[in-house]
Protein backbone atom coordinates (compact mmCIF):
# COMPACT_ATOMS: atom_id res chain seq x y z
CA MET A 1 3.20 19.62 -8.07
CA ALA A 2 -0.62 19.26 -6.35
CA THR A 3 -4.03 20.55 -8.38
CA ARG A 4 -6.69 21.82 -6.30
CA MET A 5 -10.01 19.83 -6.49
CA ALA A 6 -13.18 20.79 -7.10
CA ARG A 7 -15.53 19.85 -4.42
CA GLN A 8 -17.47 16.28 -5.42
CA PRO A 9 -18.68 13.13 -3.26
CA HIS A 10 -16.56 11.97 -1.36
CA LYS A 11 -15.25 8.69 -0.21
CA LEU A 12 -13.99 9.64 3.32
CA GLY A 13 -16.95 6.90 4.69
CA GLN A 14 -14.54 3.96 2.47
CA ALA A 15 -11.67 4.57 4.69
CA PRO A 16 -11.77 1.24 7.26
CA LEU A 17 -10.53 4.41 10.26
CA PHE A 18 -13.94 6.12 9.30
CA ALA A 19 -16.52 3.38 8.82
CA ARG A 20 -18.32 3.99 11.52
CA MET A 21 -18.28 8.11 11.68
CA SER A 22 -22.08 9.65 11.15
CA GLN A 23 -22.58 10.93 7.88
CA PRO A 24 -22.78 14.55 9.49
CA ALA A 25 -19.57 13.76 11.58
CA LEU A 26 -17.78 12.50 7.62
CA ASP A 27 -19.34 15.81 6.63
CA ARG A 28 -17.52 18.01 8.94
CA LEU A 29 -14.44 16.36 8.44
CA VAL A 30 -14.51 16.83 4.64
CA ALA A 31 -15.48 20.31 5.12
CA VAL A 32 -12.11 21.40 6.68
CA SER A 33 -9.93 19.23 4.71
CA ARG A 34 -8.65 19.61 0.86
CA LEU A 35 -8.79 17.79 -2.32
CA ARG A 36 -5.64 17.75 -4.31
CA SER A 37 -4.04 16.00 -7.14
CA TYR A 38 -0.77 14.96 -8.02
CA PRO A 39 0.71 12.75 -10.86
CA GLU A 40 2.69 10.27 -10.82
CA GLY A 41 5.82 9.96 -9.51
CA GLN A 42 5.25 13.00 -7.59
CA VAL A 43 6.61 12.66 -3.54
CA LEU A 44 4.03 13.65 -1.50
CA TRP A 45 6.03 13.79 1.67
CA HIS A 46 9.65 12.99 2.42
CA GLN A 47 11.09 11.32 5.10
CA GLY A 48 12.05 13.21 8.34
CA ASP A 49 9.20 15.67 7.08
CA PRO A 50 6.76 17.12 10.09
CA GLY A 51 3.26 15.44 10.16
CA VAL A 52 0.80 17.95 9.76
CA GLU A 53 -2.04 16.66 7.96
CA LEU A 54 -3.96 13.30 7.39
CA LEU A 55 -3.82 11.98 4.37
CA VAL A 56 -6.90 9.62 2.79
CA LEU A 57 -6.16 8.15 -0.76
CA GLU A 58 -9.52 8.64 -3.00
CA GLU A 59 -8.11 7.07 -6.06
CA GLY A 60 -4.88 5.93 -7.19
CA ARG A 61 -1.97 4.41 -5.66
CA LEU A 62 1.05 5.30 -3.51
CA ARG A 63 4.16 3.97 -2.00
CA ALA A 64 5.52 4.53 0.91
CA SER A 65 9.34 4.32 0.86
CA ARG A 66 12.58 4.40 3.03
CA ILE A 67 15.42 5.84 1.34
CA ASN A 68 19.10 4.18 1.91
CA ALA A 69 22.27 6.13 2.59
CA ASP A 70 23.43 5.10 -0.43
CA ALA A 71 19.94 7.13 -1.67
CA SER A 72 18.39 3.41 -2.55
CA GLU A 73 14.78 2.98 -1.80
CA ALA A 74 13.24 -0.02 -0.25
CA VAL A 75 9.07 0.13 -0.41
CA VAL A 76 8.09 -0.11 2.99
CA ALA A 77 4.44 -0.89 1.70
CA THR A 78 1.68 -0.13 -1.33
CA ILE A 79 -1.17 1.82 -0.81
CA GLU A 80 -4.60 1.54 -2.41
CA PRO A 81 -7.56 3.40 -1.84
CA VAL A 82 -9.36 4.04 -0.10
CA SER A 83 -6.75 4.12 2.94
CA VAL A 84 -5.40 6.31 4.97
CA ALA A 85 -1.60 7.73 5.60
CA GLY A 86 0.57 9.65 8.17
CA GLU A 87 -1.80 9.15 10.99
CA LEU A 88 1.28 7.67 13.39
CA ALA A 89 2.98 11.35 12.80
CA LEU A 90 -0.33 13.30 14.01
CA LEU A 91 -0.43 10.92 16.49
CA ASP A 92 2.66 11.02 18.63
CA GLY A 93 3.86 15.04 16.93
CA GLY A 94 6.70 13.60 15.28
CA ALA A 95 7.77 13.34 12.04
CA HIS A 96 7.10 10.77 9.09
CA ASP A 97 9.25 7.38 9.07
CA VAL A 98 8.93 6.99 5.35
CA THR A 99 9.10 9.28 2.08
CA LEU A 100 5.11 9.18 0.33
CA ILE A 101 5.07 8.77 -3.46
CA ALA A 102 2.96 8.90 -5.78
CA GLN A 103 3.06 5.49 -8.15
CA ARG A 104 0.48 6.75 -10.21
CA ASP A 105 -1.71 9.76 -10.63
CA VAL A 106 -3.74 9.58 -7.36
CA ILE A 107 -6.37 11.79 -5.97
CA VAL A 108 -5.93 12.83 -1.89
CA ARG A 109 -7.94 14.13 1.05
CA LEU A 110 -5.31 16.29 3.22
CA ILE A 111 -7.10 16.50 6.71
CA PRO A 112 -5.60 18.58 9.33
CA ARG A 113 -3.90 17.42 12.52
CA GLN A 114 -6.30 19.02 14.82
CA ALA A 115 -9.08 18.25 12.93
CA PHE A 116 -8.38 14.48 12.96
CA LEU A 117 -7.31 14.58 16.78
CA ASN A 118 -10.84 15.92 17.62
CA ALA A 119 -12.71 13.40 15.82
CA LEU A 120 -10.36 10.51 17.60
CA HIS A 121 -11.04 12.11 20.54
CA ASP A 122 -14.82 12.74 19.76
CA GLU A 123 -16.45 9.93 17.28
CA PRO A 124 -17.06 6.37 19.71
CA GLY A 125 -15.37 3.79 18.60
CA MET A 126 -12.92 5.58 16.08
CA ALA A 127 -9.71 4.79 18.63
CA GLY A 128 -10.64 1.44 18.34
CA HIS A 129 -10.62 1.14 14.95
CA LEU A 130 -7.07 3.35 14.95
CA ILE A 131 -5.59 0.52 17.06
CA ARG A 132 -6.42 -2.15 15.12
CA HIS A 133 -5.13 -0.31 11.88
CA LEU A 134 -1.60 0.19 13.43
CA ALA A 135 -1.63 -3.26 14.68
CA ASP A 136 -2.58 -4.78 10.92
CA GLN A 137 0.47 -2.23 10.05
CA ILE A 138 2.78 -3.67 12.80
CA ARG A 139 1.63 -7.17 11.40
CA ALA A 140 2.31 -6.56 7.58
CA SER A 141 5.88 -5.05 8.52
CA HIS A 142 6.67 -8.53 10.53
CA ASP A 143 5.50 -10.43 7.75
CA ARG A 144 7.43 -8.08 5.31
CA HIS A 145 10.51 -8.77 7.53
CA GLU A 146 10.08 -12.82 7.90
CA ARG A 147 9.49 -12.87 4.03
CA ALA A 148 12.83 -10.89 3.05
CA ILE A 149 15.19 -13.06 5.83
CA GLY A 150 13.25 -16.70 5.36
CA HIS A 151 12.16 -16.56 1.39
CA ASP A 152 14.18 -16.27 -1.49
CA VAL A 153 12.94 -14.33 -4.61
CA GLY A 154 10.79 -16.96 -5.93
CA GLY A 155 9.34 -17.16 -2.60
CA ARG A 156 8.19 -13.43 -2.14
CA LEU A 157 6.95 -13.29 -5.48
CA LEU A 158 4.65 -17.01 -5.32
CA ILE A 159 3.83 -15.09 -1.33
CA TRP A 160 2.95 -11.68 -3.49
CA LEU A 161 0.39 -13.73 -6.32
CA HIS A 162 -1.14 -15.57 -3.54
CA ASP A 163 -1.65 -12.48 -1.76
CA ARG A 164 -3.04 -10.75 -4.53
CA ALA A 165 -4.94 -13.65 -5.98
CA ARG A 166 -6.83 -13.80 -2.61
CA ALA A 167 -7.51 -9.41 -3.13
CA HIS A 168 -8.19 -9.68 -6.51
CA GLY A 169 -7.51 -12.76 -8.03
CA ARG A 170 -10.46 -14.95 -10.43
CA VAL A 171 -10.62 -18.57 -10.50
CA LEU A 172 -10.24 -20.42 -14.05
CA PRO A 173 -12.91 -23.25 -15.06
CA ASP A 174 -9.33 -25.39 -14.38
CA GLY A 175 -8.63 -24.38 -11.04
CA SER A 176 -5.80 -21.59 -11.67
CA LEU A 177 -6.03 -18.09 -10.69
CA ARG A 178 -5.55 -15.00 -12.83
CA VAL A 179 -3.55 -12.50 -10.93
CA ALA A 180 -3.45 -9.02 -12.76
CA LEU A 181 0.11 -7.65 -11.69
CA ASP A 182 -1.24 -3.96 -12.54
CA ARG A 183 2.15 -2.98 -11.72
CA SER A 184 5.44 -2.91 -14.02
CA GLN A 185 8.56 -5.24 -13.24
CA ALA A 186 10.94 -2.34 -12.20
CA GLU A 187 7.86 -1.13 -9.47
CA LEU A 188 7.24 -5.02 -8.56
CA ALA A 189 10.82 -5.35 -7.74
CA ALA A 190 10.80 -2.57 -5.83
CA GLU A 191 8.18 -4.38 -3.61
CA LEU A 192 9.83 -7.52 -3.04
CA TRP A 193 13.24 -5.88 -1.78
CA THR A 194 14.79 -7.06 -5.50
CA THR A 195 16.21 -6.03 -8.97
CA ARG A 196 14.27 -6.34 -12.01
CA SER A 197 16.47 -8.59 -13.20
CA THR A 198 16.39 -10.99 -10.60
CA LEU A 199 12.71 -10.59 -10.64
CA ASN A 200 12.41 -11.55 -13.76
CA ARG A 201 14.63 -14.57 -13.43
CA ALA A 202 12.60 -15.77 -10.95
CA LEU A 203 9.14 -15.38 -12.89
CA ARG A 204 10.53 -17.73 -15.14
CA GLN A 205 11.84 -20.04 -13.28
CA LEU A 206 8.63 -20.70 -11.58
CA GLU A 207 6.90 -20.60 -15.03
CA ALA A 208 9.66 -23.65 -16.20
CA CYS A 209 8.45 -25.16 -13.12
CA GLY A 210 4.98 -25.12 -14.09
CA VAL A 211 3.88 -22.83 -11.15
CA ILE A 212 2.67 -20.60 -12.91
CA ARG A 213 1.97 -19.23 -16.59
CA ILE A 214 2.74 -15.67 -18.33
CA ASP A 215 0.02 -14.14 -20.22
CA GLY A 216 1.30 -10.72 -20.77
CA ASP A 217 0.53 -8.41 -17.73
CA THR A 218 -1.76 -11.38 -15.71
CA VAL A 219 -0.08 -14.22 -14.36
CA LEU A 220 -1.77 -17.82 -14.46
CA LEU A 221 -1.39 -18.95 -10.99
CA ASN A 222 -1.73 -23.04 -9.66
CA ARG A 223 -3.74 -22.33 -6.65
CA ASN A 224 -1.86 -25.42 -4.52
CA SER A 225 1.62 -23.87 -5.14
CA VAL A 226 3.10 -23.20 -1.51
CA PRO A 227 6.33 -21.40 -1.32
CA THR A 228 8.60 -23.20 0.70
CA PRO A 229 10.92 -20.94 2.79
CA ARG A 230 14.75 -20.92 1.52
CA ARG A 231 17.16 -18.78 3.44
CA ARG A 232 19.84 -18.19 1.03
CA PRO A 233 21.59 -14.31 -0.95
CA ASP A 234 19.43 -13.43 -3.96
């Protein structure tokens, strides 16, 4: 259940989509928005729901998933702050193509569709940012597909670790990279489109080969390790 939040300094300008908006324009959007908090596990919208608001994630973590016919969940993306979600449904007036779930407790800002479309029309450069944002999403989708068909679970895991190391890792004196997983094995398995037991086996295999070393909830990664595509069933 959503909890209404008291007004507080906003983070709207930290989202790349709004990075070049003037402060008065940002403040106008905030004035018509709603700030809400949701607990871990809360579904913010379901696949097929109409798009009526732009969501800006200010704190926490979300996951965007598609629910298969057998009720299994396929994670399409993990969303970190400060990011937007739901923009495609606002642009074409269609339904959301994913289910959005709070993977951690979240604070989100909800901007009405018309306010978002007005800003898109009135603010110079915002359309260009939106096009680049959507292009990045398409590329990321292609990358996920290529990883799924071109790598086994160990390869997908190694790519994920390298990606996270570039964004959040720390280089140690011996040249290795310390990477905080910052999620449960079940959550990571869902991101990598596999099962927890298969992921755990891949972690142990990489550790046995000396590619990684597991240290609690962090992984020490050999920065020179490069995943090799292997097309085989998981």
